[in-house]
């Protein structure tokens, strides 16, 4: 069993900052990649940022220069530092971890429960 838990959401004024955390735990060999997504009601879930084991990073154009993704391998945790937040960043943010599970040595992806980010104008 692998669990993915997000934390760090909340309410912030436009121009403010938040840092989200995504921690994976359980029967894992390694985490291959971790992505942050966000979703607003009535819209599809969109990729915000992602980071791989070898350090490759990608961002959605809408967050480049404002958001920073990083990881702490020792803690199996990925962070999303969000600066210069805008009202349009308001969404539920989800973490997706691509994990090699130790029971079968096969790769599976796991979703967290999501954390709400609300940016007021």
N, C-alpha and C. Protein backbone atom coordinates (compact mmCIF):
# COMPACT_ATOMS: atom_id res chain seq x y z
N UNK A 1 0.83 -1.20 0.00
CA UNK A 1 0.00 0.00 0.00
C UNK A 1 0.87 1.25 0.00
N UNK A 2 0.48 2.20 -0.82
CA UNK A 2 1.17 3.48 -0.91
C UNK A 2 0.15 4.57 -0.65
N UNK A 3 0.53 5.52 0.18
CA UNK A 3 -0.33 6.66 0.47
C UNK A 3 0.36 7.95 0.03
N UNK A 4 -0.45 8.83 -0.52
CA UNK A 4 0.04 10.15 -0.93
C UNK A 4 -0.81 11.19 -0.23
N UNK A 5 -0.15 12.09 0.48
CA UNK A 5 -0.89 13.08 1.26
C UNK A 5 -0.36 14.47 0.95
N UNK A 6 -1.28 15.37 0.58
CA UNK A 6 -0.92 16.76 0.35
C UNK A 6 -1.24 17.59 1.59
N UNK A 7 -0.54 18.68 1.74
CA UNK A 7 -0.83 19.62 2.81
C UNK A 7 -0.33 21.00 2.39
N UNK A 8 -0.78 22.01 3.11
CA UNK A 8 -0.26 23.36 2.89
C UNK A 8 -1.20 24.31 2.19
N UNK A 9 -2.37 23.84 1.79
CA UNK A 9 -3.32 24.74 1.15
C UNK A 9 -3.89 25.74 2.14
N UNK A 10 -4.65 26.69 1.60
CA UNK A 10 -5.27 27.68 2.46
C UNK A 10 -5.76 28.87 1.68
N UNK A 11 -6.06 29.93 2.43
CA UNK A 11 -6.56 31.17 1.85
C UNK A 11 -5.45 32.21 1.92
N UNK A 12 -5.21 32.88 0.81
CA UNK A 12 -4.16 33.89 0.76
C UNK A 12 -4.61 35.02 -0.15
N UNK A 13 -4.12 36.21 0.11
CA UNK A 13 -4.44 37.33 -0.77
C UNK A 13 -3.59 37.29 -2.02
N UNK A 14 -4.10 37.92 -3.06
CA UNK A 14 -3.35 38.00 -4.31
C UNK A 14 -1.98 38.62 -4.04
N UNK A 15 -0.97 38.04 -4.67
CA UNK A 15 0.40 38.48 -4.45
C UNK A 15 1.11 37.72 -3.35
N UNK A 16 0.37 36.95 -2.59
CA UNK A 16 0.94 36.19 -1.49
C UNK A 16 1.55 34.88 -1.93
N UNK A 17 1.97 34.09 -0.94
CA UNK A 17 2.66 32.83 -1.20
C UNK A 17 2.09 31.72 -0.34
N UNK A 18 2.21 30.52 -0.87
CA UNK A 18 1.90 29.30 -0.14
C UNK A 18 2.90 28.23 -0.55
N UNK A 19 3.14 27.29 0.34
CA UNK A 19 3.96 26.14 -0.02
C UNK A 19 3.17 24.87 0.25
N UNK A 20 2.99 24.11 -0.82
CA UNK A 20 2.31 22.83 -0.71
C UNK A 20 3.35 21.71 -0.54
N UNK A 21 2.94 20.70 0.20
CA UNK A 21 3.80 19.52 0.39
C UNK A 21 3.05 18.27 -0.07
N UNK A 22 3.79 17.34 -0.62
CA UNK A 22 3.23 16.06 -1.05
C UNK A 22 4.17 14.97 -0.54
N UNK A 23 3.67 14.16 0.37
CA UNK A 23 4.50 13.11 0.95
C UNK A 23 3.93 11.75 0.58
N UNK A 24 4.80 10.88 0.07
CA UNK A 24 4.42 9.51 -0.25
C UNK A 24 5.00 8.58 0.80
N UNK A 25 4.22 7.58 1.17
CA UNK A 25 4.69 6.62 2.17
C UNK A 25 4.11 5.25 1.86
N UNK A 26 4.75 4.23 2.43
CA UNK A 26 4.25 2.88 2.24
C UNK A 26 5.29 1.98 1.61
N UNK A 27 4.81 0.95 0.94
CA UNK A 27 5.68 -0.10 0.38
C UNK A 27 6.24 0.33 -0.97
N UNK A 28 7.29 1.15 -0.93
CA UNK A 28 7.86 1.71 -2.15
C UNK A 28 9.32 1.34 -2.29
N UNK A 29 9.74 1.16 -3.51
CA UNK A 29 11.16 1.03 -3.82
C UNK A 29 11.73 2.41 -4.13
N UNK A 30 11.02 3.13 -4.98
CA UNK A 30 11.43 4.46 -5.36
C UNK A 30 10.26 5.24 -5.93
N UNK A 31 10.37 6.56 -5.92
CA UNK A 31 9.39 7.42 -6.56
C UNK A 31 10.00 7.91 -7.86
N UNK A 32 9.40 7.53 -8.97
CA UNK A 32 9.96 7.86 -10.27
C UNK A 32 9.74 9.32 -10.63
N UNK A 33 8.54 9.78 -10.35
CA UNK A 33 8.19 11.16 -10.70
C UNK A 33 7.02 11.60 -9.83
N UNK A 34 6.94 12.91 -9.63
CA UNK A 34 5.82 13.47 -8.88
C UNK A 34 5.31 14.70 -9.61
N UNK A 35 4.03 14.76 -9.79
CA UNK A 35 3.41 15.88 -10.50
C UNK A 35 2.37 16.55 -9.60
N UNK A 36 2.25 17.85 -9.78
CA UNK A 36 1.17 18.62 -9.16
C UNK A 36 0.16 18.99 -10.25
N UNK A 37 -1.10 18.75 -9.94
CA UNK A 37 -2.21 19.13 -10.81
C UNK A 37 -3.13 20.06 -10.03
N UNK A 38 -4.01 20.73 -10.76
CA UNK A 38 -5.04 21.51 -10.10
C UNK A 38 -6.34 21.40 -10.90
N UNK A 39 -7.43 21.60 -10.18
CA UNK A 39 -8.73 21.47 -10.82
C UNK A 39 -9.72 22.44 -10.18
N UNK A 40 -10.47 23.10 -11.05
CA UNK A 40 -11.58 23.94 -10.59
C UNK A 40 -12.86 23.30 -11.07
N UNK A 41 -13.97 23.56 -10.39
CA UNK A 41 -15.24 22.93 -10.76
C UNK A 41 -15.59 23.20 -12.21
N UNK A 42 -15.98 22.16 -12.91
CA UNK A 42 -16.41 22.29 -14.28
C UNK A 42 -15.30 22.26 -15.30
N UNK A 43 -14.05 22.15 -14.84
CA UNK A 43 -12.92 22.10 -15.76
C UNK A 43 -12.11 20.84 -15.54
N UNK A 44 -11.33 20.50 -16.56
CA UNK A 44 -10.48 19.32 -16.45
C UNK A 44 -9.30 19.61 -15.53
N UNK A 45 -8.79 18.55 -14.94
CA UNK A 45 -7.60 18.67 -14.11
C UNK A 45 -6.42 19.02 -15.02
N UNK A 46 -5.62 20.01 -14.61
CA UNK A 46 -4.50 20.43 -15.45
C UNK A 46 -3.18 20.25 -14.70
N UNK A 47 -2.15 19.91 -15.47
CA UNK A 47 -0.82 19.74 -14.91
C UNK A 47 -0.22 21.11 -14.60
N UNK A 48 0.29 21.25 -13.40
CA UNK A 48 0.90 22.51 -12.97
C UNK A 48 2.43 22.42 -13.03
N UNK A 49 2.98 21.36 -12.46
CA UNK A 49 4.43 21.20 -12.42
C UNK A 49 4.75 19.75 -12.15
N UNK A 50 5.94 19.33 -12.57
CA UNK A 50 6.36 17.95 -12.34
C UNK A 50 7.86 17.87 -12.15
N UNK A 51 8.29 16.85 -11.42
CA UNK A 51 9.72 16.63 -11.18
C UNK A 51 9.98 15.14 -11.19
N UNK A 52 11.10 14.75 -11.82
CA UNK A 52 11.46 13.34 -11.90
C UNK A 52 12.63 13.03 -10.98
N UNK A 53 12.93 11.74 -10.87
CA UNK A 53 14.03 11.31 -10.01
C UNK A 53 15.36 11.91 -10.45
N UNK A 54 15.54 12.05 -11.76
CA UNK A 54 16.81 12.58 -12.25
C UNK A 54 16.85 14.10 -12.25
N UNK A 55 15.79 14.71 -11.68
CA UNK A 55 15.82 16.16 -11.53
C UNK A 55 15.19 16.94 -12.65
N UNK A 56 14.64 16.28 -13.64
CA UNK A 56 13.96 17.00 -14.72
C UNK A 56 12.71 17.66 -14.17
N UNK A 57 12.50 18.91 -14.58
CA UNK A 57 11.39 19.70 -14.07
C UNK A 57 10.64 20.33 -15.24
N UNK A 58 9.33 20.38 -15.11
CA UNK A 58 8.54 21.11 -16.10
C UNK A 58 7.42 21.86 -15.40
N UNK A 59 7.02 22.95 -16.02
CA UNK A 59 5.97 23.81 -15.49
C UNK A 59 4.95 24.14 -16.58
N UNK A 60 3.72 24.35 -16.15
CA UNK A 60 2.73 24.92 -17.06
C UNK A 60 3.12 26.36 -17.35
N UNK A 61 2.82 26.82 -18.54
CA UNK A 61 3.17 28.19 -18.90
C UNK A 61 2.56 29.20 -17.94
N UNK A 62 1.39 28.89 -17.43
CA UNK A 62 0.67 29.84 -16.58
C UNK A 62 1.34 30.06 -15.23
N UNK A 63 2.26 29.17 -14.84
CA UNK A 63 2.89 29.31 -13.52
C UNK A 63 4.40 29.53 -13.60
N UNK A 64 4.95 29.49 -14.79
CA UNK A 64 6.41 29.67 -14.93
C UNK A 64 6.83 31.01 -14.35
N UNK A 65 7.92 30.97 -13.59
CA UNK A 65 8.42 32.19 -12.97
C UNK A 65 7.77 32.52 -11.64
N UNK A 66 6.68 31.84 -11.31
CA UNK A 66 5.98 32.09 -10.04
C UNK A 66 6.00 30.88 -9.10
N UNK A 67 5.95 29.69 -9.67
CA UNK A 67 5.92 28.46 -8.88
C UNK A 67 7.26 27.75 -9.01
N UNK A 68 7.67 27.08 -7.93
CA UNK A 68 8.92 26.31 -7.92
C UNK A 68 8.65 24.95 -7.30
N UNK A 69 8.99 23.90 -8.04
CA UNK A 69 8.84 22.55 -7.52
C UNK A 69 10.20 22.04 -7.06
N UNK A 70 10.22 21.33 -5.96
CA UNK A 70 11.47 20.77 -5.44
C UNK A 70 11.14 19.49 -4.68
N UNK A 71 12.19 18.74 -4.33
CA UNK A 71 11.93 17.49 -3.62
C UNK A 71 12.99 17.25 -2.57
N UNK A 72 12.57 16.50 -1.55
CA UNK A 72 13.48 16.02 -0.50
C UNK A 72 13.39 14.50 -0.54
N UNK A 73 14.36 13.87 -1.18
CA UNK A 73 14.30 12.42 -1.35
C UNK A 73 14.31 11.68 -0.02
N UNK A 74 15.02 12.19 0.95
CA UNK A 74 15.10 11.52 2.25
C UNK A 74 13.74 11.47 2.94
N UNK A 75 12.90 12.46 2.64
CA UNK A 75 11.58 12.52 3.25
C UNK A 75 10.48 12.06 2.31
N UNK A 76 10.85 11.62 1.10
CA UNK A 76 9.85 11.22 0.09
C UNK A 76 8.79 12.30 -0.07
N UNK A 77 9.26 13.53 -0.10
CA UNK A 77 8.35 14.67 -0.13
C UNK A 77 8.72 15.60 -1.28
N UNK A 78 7.69 16.08 -1.96
CA UNK A 78 7.85 17.07 -3.02
C UNK A 78 7.10 18.33 -2.59
N UNK A 79 7.71 19.46 -2.85
CA UNK A 79 7.14 20.75 -2.47
C UNK A 79 6.77 21.56 -3.71
N UNK A 80 5.74 22.37 -3.56
CA UNK A 80 5.39 23.33 -4.60
C UNK A 80 5.31 24.70 -3.93
N UNK A 81 6.34 25.50 -4.16
CA UNK A 81 6.37 26.86 -3.65
C UNK A 81 5.64 27.75 -4.64
N UNK A 82 4.60 28.40 -4.16
CA UNK A 82 3.77 29.22 -5.04
C UNK A 82 3.87 30.67 -4.59
N UNK A 83 4.45 31.49 -5.42
CA UNK A 83 4.62 32.92 -5.14
C UNK A 83 3.81 33.74 -6.12
N UNK A 84 3.62 35.01 -5.78
CA UNK A 84 2.87 35.94 -6.64
C UNK A 84 1.54 35.33 -7.06
N UNK A 85 0.84 34.79 -6.11
CA UNK A 85 -0.40 34.09 -6.42
C UNK A 85 -1.46 35.03 -6.97
N UNK A 86 -2.26 34.49 -7.87
CA UNK A 86 -3.32 35.24 -8.53
C UNK A 86 -4.66 34.57 -8.23
N UNK A 87 -5.74 35.31 -8.32
CA UNK A 87 -7.06 34.68 -8.10
C UNK A 87 -7.30 33.48 -9.02
N UNK A 88 -6.77 33.53 -10.22
CA UNK A 88 -6.96 32.41 -11.14
C UNK A 88 -6.18 31.16 -10.76
N UNK A 89 -5.34 31.25 -9.73
CA UNK A 89 -4.66 30.06 -9.21
C UNK A 89 -5.56 29.29 -8.24
N UNK A 90 -6.70 29.86 -7.91
CA UNK A 90 -7.63 29.19 -7.00
C UNK A 90 -8.08 27.86 -7.59
N UNK A 91 -7.91 26.79 -6.82
CA UNK A 91 -8.24 25.45 -7.30
C UNK A 91 -7.98 24.46 -6.16
N UNK A 92 -8.40 23.23 -6.40
CA UNK A 92 -7.94 22.13 -5.55
C UNK A 92 -6.68 21.58 -6.20
N UNK A 93 -5.62 21.50 -5.44
CA UNK A 93 -4.33 21.03 -5.94
C UNK A 93 -4.14 19.57 -5.52
N UNK A 94 -3.79 18.76 -6.51
CA UNK A 94 -3.61 17.34 -6.29
C UNK A 94 -2.17 16.94 -6.61
N UNK A 95 -1.69 15.97 -5.87
CA UNK A 95 -0.37 15.42 -6.11
C UNK A 95 -0.53 14.02 -6.70
N UNK A 96 0.28 13.72 -7.69
CA UNK A 96 0.30 12.38 -8.28
C UNK A 96 1.72 11.86 -8.24
N UNK A 97 1.91 10.72 -7.60
CA UNK A 97 3.24 10.13 -7.48
C UNK A 97 3.31 8.84 -8.28
N UNK A 98 4.34 8.74 -9.12
CA UNK A 98 4.60 7.52 -9.89
C UNK A 98 5.62 6.72 -9.10
N UNK A 99 5.21 5.54 -8.64
CA UNK A 99 5.98 4.81 -7.63
C UNK A 99 6.25 3.39 -8.10
N UNK A 100 7.44 2.90 -7.82
CA UNK A 100 7.74 1.48 -7.98
C UNK A 100 7.43 0.83 -6.63
N UNK A 101 6.42 -0.04 -6.62
CA UNK A 101 6.01 -0.64 -5.35
C UNK A 101 6.91 -1.83 -5.02
N UNK A 102 7.17 -2.01 -3.75
CA UNK A 102 8.14 -3.03 -3.34
C UNK A 102 7.58 -4.44 -3.40
N UNK A 103 6.27 -4.59 -3.44
CA UNK A 103 5.69 -5.93 -3.44
C UNK A 103 5.81 -6.60 -4.81
N UNK A 104 5.75 -5.82 -5.87
CA UNK A 104 5.77 -6.40 -7.22
C UNK A 104 6.86 -5.81 -8.12
N UNK A 105 7.53 -4.76 -7.65
CA UNK A 105 8.55 -4.05 -8.45
C UNK A 105 7.97 -3.57 -9.77
N UNK A 106 6.72 -3.18 -9.73
CA UNK A 106 6.08 -2.58 -10.89
C UNK A 106 5.70 -1.14 -10.55
N UNK A 107 5.48 -0.35 -11.60
CA UNK A 107 5.24 1.08 -11.44
C UNK A 107 3.74 1.36 -11.44
N UNK A 108 3.32 2.18 -10.47
CA UNK A 108 1.92 2.57 -10.37
C UNK A 108 1.85 4.03 -9.97
N UNK A 109 0.76 4.68 -10.34
CA UNK A 109 0.62 6.07 -9.89
C UNK A 109 -0.47 6.17 -8.85
N UNK A 110 -0.25 7.08 -7.91
CA UNK A 110 -1.15 7.26 -6.79
C UNK A 110 -1.49 8.74 -6.65
N UNK A 111 -2.76 9.00 -6.34
CA UNK A 111 -3.24 10.36 -6.14
C UNK A 111 -3.46 10.66 -4.67
N UNK A 112 -3.19 11.89 -4.31
CA UNK A 112 -3.57 12.36 -2.99
C UNK A 112 -5.02 12.82 -2.99
N UNK A 113 -5.47 13.27 -1.83
CA UNK A 113 -6.87 13.65 -1.67
C UNK A 113 -7.13 15.09 -2.10
N UNK A 114 -6.08 15.85 -2.31
CA UNK A 114 -6.22 17.24 -2.74
C UNK A 114 -6.19 18.22 -1.59
N UNK A 115 -5.75 19.42 -1.88
CA UNK A 115 -5.74 20.49 -0.89
C UNK A 115 -6.22 21.77 -1.57
N UNK A 116 -7.11 22.49 -0.90
CA UNK A 116 -7.72 23.67 -1.49
C UNK A 116 -6.81 24.88 -1.36
N UNK A 117 -6.63 25.57 -2.47
CA UNK A 117 -5.92 26.85 -2.49
C UNK A 117 -6.90 27.91 -2.97
N UNK A 118 -7.08 28.93 -2.17
CA UNK A 118 -7.98 30.02 -2.53
C UNK A 118 -7.21 31.34 -2.47
N UNK A 119 -7.22 32.07 -3.57
CA UNK A 119 -6.52 33.35 -3.66
C UNK A 119 -7.56 34.44 -3.82
N UNK A 120 -7.62 35.32 -2.85
CA UNK A 120 -8.60 36.40 -2.90
C UNK A 120 -8.00 37.63 -3.58
N UNK A 121 -8.88 38.37 -4.24
CA UNK A 121 -8.40 39.56 -4.97
C UNK A 121 -8.41 40.80 -4.09
